[in-house]
């Protein structure tokens, strides 16, 4: 379905009980629980998709396949692995209980029950649920249009060959991927030089979109012009710095009815500040009713020492045991290669500087999907 990954804008209700009948969860025999173990006469066979017209009488059983309706008179299904068949007689080797291997009518959903609410992101399981209840079309929220502006005299398009003083515009495509994954529609603008007139022109066009993301130009340098230029447009700033590393220069505000996020120019800082702050803005604009940063906990495989004072996000590797994490050596916020190798980020608390091996530490998983 084309709505995969979109945010649902309507309630979805079951159009019938599901399952619509009592159905078997196993291949085996439909029986009366009180009559087993023992020998039973096999009086029929039921396959998935057929109606159960024959009843199970005293000392009888009906051979049944997974998904088939449970016949009247039976109150349990015994797995074929626990039986032995000789002609028209089946020998059930173990006792069973009423309801065993049966999914009762309506146990998963009742007719009219709301099974998906507005604000739910539609993944593969949700698509399956829509198909189960006959929804060929549903209403979804519009994807917010997100303008991405990279600034800096040193930044060039990725198809060009840089000299020793230049860098390719990787940040724009990082952000485009993160925006799309968060439910937005990215619009990458041409690189804007460190020039106030060029920046004004870019901002004017970018404000036609629902959200504007800046990469670079938000620090305290002579040529960091984003904040001062936005102020000319009447910007109201809610955040101008955050106590994290990498990513301390971060700006969040509003120009009239359009939100703006200014992200640092170093690649790791851009990636992390988007995940920690800007991702939530995109999700809320996309229709997610409540956004949150999912923090897990991992156990350090070796000691860790950092300067306290800032919350730090460090690239790390999740080990094969599923809960141990190993910090990766890296060269700081420009180290794109390590950011590509890591699969999670350690969150080093601002008031702490040292962790021992075996300690538990907050972790953000880095998704590789989309």
Protein backbone atom coordinates (compact mmCIF):
# COMPACT_ATOMS: atom_id res chain seq x y z
CA UNK A 1 0.00 0.00 0.00
CA UNK A 2 1.14 3.53 -0.75
CA UNK A 3 0.39 4.61 2.83
CA UNK A 4 3.27 2.62 4.31
CA UNK A 5 5.20 4.84 6.71
CA UNK A 6 2.46 7.50 6.79
CA UNK A 7 0.63 8.77 9.86
CA UNK A 8 -3.01 7.66 10.13
CA UNK A 9 -5.56 10.51 10.25
CA UNK A 10 -8.71 8.45 10.97
CA UNK A 11 -9.90 5.76 13.30
CA UNK A 12 -9.88 2.22 11.91
CA UNK A 13 -12.57 -0.17 13.17
CA UNK A 14 -12.99 -3.90 12.73
CA UNK A 15 -15.73 -4.69 10.20
CA UNK A 16 -16.42 -8.09 11.81
CA UNK A 17 -15.36 -10.24 14.73
CA UNK A 18 -11.86 -11.57 14.27
CA UNK A 19 -11.45 -14.41 14.08
CA UNK A 20 -15.01 -14.65 12.74
CA UNK A 21 -15.40 -18.17 14.18
CA UNK A 22 -13.63 -20.34 16.72
CA UNK A 23 -10.63 -21.59 14.74
CA UNK A 24 -7.92 -24.14 15.19
CA UNK A 25 -4.38 -22.96 15.91
CA UNK A 26 -2.81 -26.32 15.05
CA UNK A 27 -3.01 -29.25 12.67
CA UNK A 28 -4.53 -32.09 14.69
CA UNK A 29 -7.91 -33.34 15.90
CA UNK A 30 -10.94 -31.52 17.28
CA UNK A 31 -12.06 -33.41 20.39
CA UNK A 32 -13.95 -33.21 23.65
CA UNK A 33 -11.32 -32.48 26.30
CA UNK A 34 -12.96 -34.75 28.89
CA UNK A 35 -12.61 -37.79 26.59
CA UNK A 36 -8.82 -37.74 26.16
CA UNK A 37 -6.39 -39.40 26.42
CA UNK A 38 -7.89 -42.40 24.70
CA UNK A 39 -9.13 -43.84 21.41
CA UNK A 40 -11.60 -41.83 19.30
CA UNK A 41 -13.41 -42.49 16.04
CA UNK A 42 -12.41 -40.07 13.26
CA UNK A 43 -15.64 -38.98 11.56
CA UNK A 44 -14.43 -36.27 9.18
CA UNK A 45 -11.83 -33.73 8.06
CA UNK A 46 -11.90 -29.93 8.18
CA UNK A 47 -9.64 -27.66 6.15
CA UNK A 48 -9.15 -23.90 6.39
CA UNK A 49 -11.75 -22.10 4.30
CA UNK A 50 -14.46 -24.75 4.73
CA UNK A 51 -17.54 -24.59 6.94
CA UNK A 52 -17.91 -26.90 9.92
CA UNK A 53 -21.20 -28.70 9.20
CA UNK A 54 -20.45 -31.95 11.02
CA UNK A 55 -20.62 -32.22 14.81
CA UNK A 56 -18.25 -34.08 17.13
CA UNK A 57 -20.24 -36.63 19.10
CA UNK A 58 -19.32 -38.82 22.06
CA UNK A 59 -15.95 -40.62 21.64
CA UNK A 60 -15.49 -38.96 18.25
CA UNK A 61 -12.87 -36.67 16.68
CA UNK A 62 -12.61 -34.65 13.48
CA UNK A 63 -9.27 -34.21 11.78
CA UNK A 64 -8.63 -30.46 11.55
CA UNK A 65 -6.10 -28.18 9.86
CA UNK A 66 -4.66 -24.90 11.11
CA UNK A 67 -7.14 -22.07 10.52
CA UNK A 68 -10.16 -24.33 10.07
CA UNK A 69 -13.35 -23.64 12.07
CA UNK A 70 -13.78 -25.73 15.21
CA UNK A 71 -16.85 -27.97 14.79
CA UNK A 72 -19.79 -27.96 17.17
CA UNK A 73 -19.34 -30.44 20.02
CA UNK A 74 -15.56 -30.04 20.19
CA UNK A 75 -13.95 -27.87 22.86
CA UNK A 76 -10.23 -28.51 22.26
CA UNK A 77 -7.74 -29.37 19.55
CA UNK A 78 -4.93 -31.84 20.13
CA UNK A 79 -1.83 -31.51 17.98
CA UNK A 80 -1.19 -34.26 15.48
CA UNK A 81 2.22 -34.80 17.11
CA UNK A 82 0.42 -36.05 20.23
CA UNK A 83 -1.67 -38.63 18.39
CA UNK A 84 -1.32 -41.94 16.59
CA UNK A 85 -3.68 -42.80 13.73
CA UNK A 86 -4.71 -46.34 12.79
CA UNK A 87 -7.32 -46.34 10.05
CA UNK A 88 -10.49 -44.69 11.33
CA UNK A 89 -9.27 -44.55 14.93
CA UNK A 90 -7.01 -41.90 16.45
CA UNK A 91 -5.23 -42.57 19.71
CA UNK A 92 -4.69 -39.39 21.74
CA UNK A 93 -1.66 -39.88 23.94
CA UNK A 94 -2.00 -36.96 26.35
CA UNK A 95 -4.78 -35.15 28.14
CA UNK A 96 -5.82 -31.64 27.10
CA UNK A 97 -7.81 -28.76 28.50
CA UNK A 98 -10.91 -26.99 27.26
CA UNK A 99 -9.87 -24.29 24.78
CA UNK A 100 -6.43 -25.71 23.99
CA UNK A 101 -5.17 -24.73 20.50
CA UNK A 102 -8.36 -22.78 19.77
CA UNK A 103 -8.58 -19.07 18.98
CA UNK A 104 -12.04 -17.99 20.08
CA UNK A 105 -14.32 -15.89 17.92
CA UNK A 106 -13.63 -12.18 18.47
CA UNK A 107 -10.63 -12.82 20.71
CA UNK A 108 -8.44 -10.56 18.56
CA UNK A 109 -11.01 -7.88 17.71
CA UNK A 110 -14.75 -7.36 18.05
CA UNK A 111 -16.88 -5.90 15.28
CA UNK A 112 -16.85 -2.10 15.58
CA UNK A 113 -13.83 -2.07 17.89
CA UNK A 114 -11.25 0.64 17.10
CA UNK A 115 -8.06 -1.23 16.22
CA UNK A 116 -5.96 1.74 15.03
CA UNK A 117 -6.21 5.33 16.22
CA UNK A 118 -5.28 8.59 14.47
CA UNK A 119 -1.59 9.39 14.87
CA UNK A 120 -0.47 5.79 14.43
CA UNK A 121 2.42 5.27 12.01
CA UNK A 122 1.53 2.63 9.41
CA UNK A 123 4.13 -0.12 9.27
CA UNK A 124 3.90 -3.61 7.84
CA UNK A 125 1.79 -4.98 10.71
CA UNK A 126 -0.62 -2.05 10.48
CA UNK A 127 -0.91 -2.54 6.71
CA UNK A 128 -1.80 -6.16 7.41
CA UNK A 129 -4.48 -5.05 9.85
CA UNK A 130 -5.98 -2.66 7.30
CA UNK A 131 -6.12 -5.45 4.73
CA UNK A 132 -7.63 -7.85 7.27
CA UNK A 133 -10.59 -5.54 7.78
CA UNK A 134 -11.05 -4.59 4.14
CA UNK A 135 -9.62 -1.06 4.08
CA UNK A 136 -8.47 -0.31 0.56
CA UNK A 137 -8.09 3.40 1.34
CA UNK A 138 -7.48 5.35 4.55
CA UNK A 139 -6.93 8.99 5.40
CA UNK A 140 -3.38 9.95 6.37
CA UNK A 141 -1.81 13.23 7.41
CA UNK A 142 -0.03 15.27 4.77
CA UNK A 143 3.73 14.97 4.88
CA UNK A 144 5.22 18.28 6.04
CA UNK A 145 7.44 19.92 3.47
CA UNK A 146 10.88 20.48 4.99
CA UNK A 147 13.35 22.89 3.38
CA UNK A 148 17.02 21.97 3.91
CA UNK A 149 19.55 24.80 3.57
CA UNK A 150 23.28 24.14 3.84
CA UNK A 151 25.44 27.21 4.33
CA UNK A 152 29.15 27.93 4.04
CA UNK A 153 31.72 29.09 1.49
CA UNK A 154 33.54 25.79 1.95
CA UNK A 155 30.52 23.63 1.05
CA UNK A 156 30.08 22.45 -2.56
CA UNK A 157 27.56 20.12 -4.28
CA UNK A 158 28.39 16.44 -3.92
CA UNK A 159 28.90 15.93 -7.65
CA UNK A 160 31.74 18.44 -7.76
CA UNK A 161 35.43 17.79 -7.05
CA UNK A 162 36.50 19.67 -3.90
CA UNK A 163 39.85 21.33 -3.38
CA UNK A 164 41.72 20.94 -0.09
CA UNK A 165 39.70 23.72 1.57
CA UNK A 166 36.27 22.45 0.51
CA UNK A 167 33.84 19.75 1.63
CA UNK A 168 30.99 18.12 -0.24
CA UNK A 169 27.50 18.83 0.99
CA UNK A 170 26.90 15.52 2.78
CA UNK A 171 24.79 17.14 5.50
CA UNK A 172 21.94 18.00 3.17
CA UNK A 173 21.53 14.37 2.14
CA UNK A 174 21.91 13.13 5.70
CA UNK A 175 19.11 15.47 6.73
CA UNK A 176 16.98 14.53 3.71
CA UNK A 177 17.20 10.88 4.79
CA UNK A 178 16.42 11.69 8.41
CA UNK A 179 13.50 13.92 7.42
CA UNK A 180 12.01 11.24 5.17
CA UNK A 181 12.41 8.62 7.90
CA UNK A 182 10.61 10.93 10.34
CA UNK A 183 7.62 11.35 8.02
CA UNK A 184 8.53 14.57 6.22
CA UNK A 185 9.04 15.50 2.57
CA UNK A 186 12.60 16.85 2.22
CA UNK A 187 13.36 19.66 -0.24
CA UNK A 188 17.12 20.21 -0.64
CA UNK A 189 18.10 23.77 -1.59
CA UNK A 190 21.31 24.70 -3.41
CA UNK A 191 24.24 25.49 -1.13
CA UNK A 192 24.14 29.06 0.20
CA UNK A 193 27.43 30.95 0.56
CA UNK A 194 28.34 32.98 3.64
CA UNK A 195 26.64 36.02 2.20
CA UNK A 196 23.76 37.88 3.85
CA UNK A 197 21.96 38.68 0.58
CA UNK A 198 22.16 35.07 -0.62
CA UNK A 199 20.96 33.86 2.77
CA UNK A 200 18.02 36.29 2.78
CA UNK A 201 16.96 35.06 -0.63
CA UNK A 202 17.22 31.42 0.45
CA UNK A 203 15.27 32.02 3.67
CA UNK A 204 12.52 33.84 1.78
CA UNK A 205 11.99 30.80 -0.47
CA UNK A 206 12.44 28.28 2.35
CA UNK A 207 9.71 29.89 4.45
CA UNK A 208 7.20 28.73 1.84
CA UNK A 209 7.66 25.26 3.36
CA UNK A 210 6.36 23.90 6.68
CA UNK A 211 9.73 23.68 8.39
CA UNK A 212 13.18 25.05 7.62
CA UNK A 213 16.36 23.20 8.59
CA UNK A 214 19.72 24.98 8.40
CA UNK A 215 23.01 23.12 8.38
CA UNK A 216 25.82 25.41 9.52
CA UNK A 217 25.92 29.13 10.15
CA UNK A 218 24.52 28.98 13.70
CA UNK A 219 27.72 29.16 15.74
CA UNK A 220 29.44 32.29 17.04
CA UNK A 221 31.87 32.92 14.17
CA UNK A 222 32.15 36.05 12.06
CA UNK A 223 30.49 34.34 9.08
CA UNK A 224 27.77 32.52 11.03
CA UNK A 225 24.91 34.62 9.68
CA UNK A 226 21.81 32.48 10.15
CA UNK A 227 20.55 33.91 13.45
CA UNK A 228 21.12 37.56 12.57
CA UNK A 229 19.51 37.12 9.16
CA UNK A 230 16.52 35.27 10.60
CA UNK A 231 16.10 38.12 13.08
CA UNK A 232 15.52 40.42 10.10
CA UNK A 233 12.49 38.26 9.26
CA UNK A 234 11.11 38.75 12.77
CA UNK A 235 12.23 35.36 14.08
CA UNK A 236 11.39 34.45 17.67
CA UNK A 237 14.08 32.20 19.15
CA UNK A 238 13.21 29.66 21.83
CA UNK A 239 16.59 27.87 21.94
CA UNK A 240 19.99 29.26 20.89
CA UNK A 241 22.38 26.79 22.56
CA UNK A 242 22.15 23.32 24.07
CA UNK A 243 24.48 21.74 26.62
CA UNK A 244 25.41 18.70 24.53
CA UNK A 245 28.46 17.61 22.58
CA UNK A 246 28.63 17.25 19.71
CA UNK A 247 25.96 19.76 18.76
CA UNK A 248 26.16 22.69 21.17
CA UNK A 249 25.25 25.34 18.53
CA UNK A 250 21.56 24.62 17.97
CA UNK A 251 18.79 27.10 17.22
CA UNK A 252 15.06 26.55 17.41
CA UNK A 253 12.45 29.20 16.78
CA UNK A 254 9.65 30.49 14.63
CA UNK A 255 9.17 33.00 11.82
CA UNK A 256 5.47 33.88 11.83
CA UNK A 257 3.80 30.46 11.57
CA UNK A 258 6.84 28.51 10.31
CA UNK A 259 9.26 26.67 12.58
CA UNK A 260 13.01 26.86 12.04
CA UNK A 261 15.84 24.63 13.27
CA UNK A 262 19.48 25.66 12.95
CA UNK A 263 21.83 22.67 13.18
CA UNK A 264 25.63 22.74 13.49
CA UNK A 265 27.70 22.26 10.35
CA UNK A 266 29.92 19.38 11.46
CA UNK A 267 28.41 16.09 10.19
CA UNK A 268 28.16 14.23 13.51
CA UNK A 269 26.67 17.31 15.17
CA UNK A 270 24.11 17.60 12.39
CA UNK A 271 23.08 13.95 12.66
CA UNK A 272 22.81 13.95 16.45
CA UNK A 273 21.01 17.28 16.90
CA UNK A 274 18.46 16.21 14.31
CA UNK A 275 17.79 12.92 16.12
CA UNK A 276 17.63 14.50 19.57
CA UNK A 277 15.70 17.69 18.73
CA UNK A 278 14.57 18.22 15.13
CA UNK A 279 13.16 14.75 14.55
CA UNK A 280 10.40 15.46 17.07
CA UNK A 281 9.46 18.65 15.23
CA UNK A 282 9.07 16.79 11.93
CA UNK A 283 7.05 14.00 13.57
CA UNK A 284 4.65 16.43 15.25
CA UNK A 285 4.11 18.29 11.99
CA UNK A 286 3.52 14.91 10.30
CA UNK A 287 0.65 14.07 12.67
CA UNK A 288 2.33 12.06 15.44
CA UNK A 289 0.37 13.02 18.59
CA UNK A 290 3.34 12.64 20.94
CA UNK A 291 7.00 12.28 20.09
CA UNK A 292 9.74 10.94 22.31
CA UNK A 293 13.38 9.99 22.21
CA UNK A 294 13.60 6.25 22.91
CA UNK A 295 16.41 5.59 25.39
CA UNK A 296 17.52 2.03 26.08
CA UNK A 297 20.28 0.90 28.42
CA UNK A 298 23.41 -1.02 27.54
CA UNK A 299 26.25 -2.43 29.62
CA UNK A 300 29.68 -0.98 28.90
CA UNK A 301 32.23 -3.52 27.71
CA UNK A 302 35.14 -1.30 28.80
CA UNK A 303 35.72 1.75 31.02
CA UNK A 304 34.77 5.19 29.69
CA UNK A 305 36.17 8.56 30.67
CA UNK A 306 34.87 11.93 29.45
CA UNK A 307 34.97 15.48 30.77
CA UNK A 308 31.79 16.33 32.72
CA UNK A 309 29.73 19.43 32.06
CA UNK A 310 27.94 18.46 28.85
CA UNK A 311 25.68 15.57 27.90
CA UNK A 312 27.75 13.71 25.33
CA UNK A 313 26.60 11.44 22.51
CA UNK A 314 29.32 9.00 21.56
CA UNK A 315 29.31 6.50 18.67
CA UNK A 316 29.35 2.90 19.84
CA UNK A 317 28.81 -0.67 18.70
CA UNK A 318 26.17 -3.03 20.07
CA UNK A 319 27.77 -6.41 20.73
CA UNK A 320 26.35 -9.75 19.66
CA UNK A 321 24.98 -10.54 23.12
CA UNK A 322 22.39 -7.82 22.52
CA UNK A 323 23.06 -5.69 25.61
CA UNK A 324 26.79 -4.95 25.77
CA UNK A 325 28.03 -1.75 24.11
CA UNK A 326 31.56 -0.74 23.12
CA UNK A 327 32.52 2.91 22.55
CA UNK A 328 34.22 3.41 19.18
CA UNK A 329 37.38 5.50 18.80
CA UNK A 330 36.60 8.61 16.78
CA UNK A 331 38.07 11.94 15.77
CA UNK A 332 35.19 14.15 16.83
CA UNK A 333 32.18 15.74 15.17
CA UNK A 334 33.63 15.70 11.64
CA UNK A 335 34.27 11.93 11.67
CA UNK A 336 31.64 10.70 9.22
CA UNK A 337 33.34 7.32 8.76
CA UNK A 338 32.88 6.36 12.41
CA UNK A 339 29.31 7.63 12.38
CA UNK A 340 28.63 5.23 9.51
CA UNK A 341 30.27 2.32 11.37
CA UNK A 342 28.42 2.79 14.64
CA UNK A 343 25.00 1.31 15.32
CA UNK A 344 24.17 3.23 18.50
CA UNK A 345 25.10 6.29 20.55
CA UNK A 346 26.06 6.27 24.21
CA UNK A 347 24.48 9.07 26.23
CA UNK A 348 27.08 10.21 28.77
CA UNK A 349 25.38 12.13 31.55
CA UNK A 350 26.56 15.73 32.02
CA UNK A 351 27.37 15.34 35.73
CA UNK A 352 29.47 12.23 35.20
CA UNK A 353 32.91 11.80 33.74
CA UNK A 354 33.81 8.18 34.42
CA UNK A 355 32.06 4.87 33.92
CA UNK A 356 33.43 1.48 34.86
CA UNK A 357 33.26 -1.60 32.66
CA UNK A 358 29.99 -3.42 33.33
CA UNK A 359 28.06 -0.27 34.24
CA UNK A 360 24.74 0.41 32.53
CA UNK A 361 24.54 3.52 30.37
CA UNK A 362 21.71 5.12 28.32
CA UNK A 363 21.83 4.20 24.62
CA UNK A 364 20.09 5.48 21.49
CA UNK A 365 19.93 2.91 18.69
CA UNK A 366 20.81 4.17 15.21
CA UNK A 367 18.28 2.84 12.76
CA UNK A 368 19.64 1.81 9.35
CA UNK A 369 16.19 1.59 7.70
CA UNK A 370 14.94 4.03 5.09
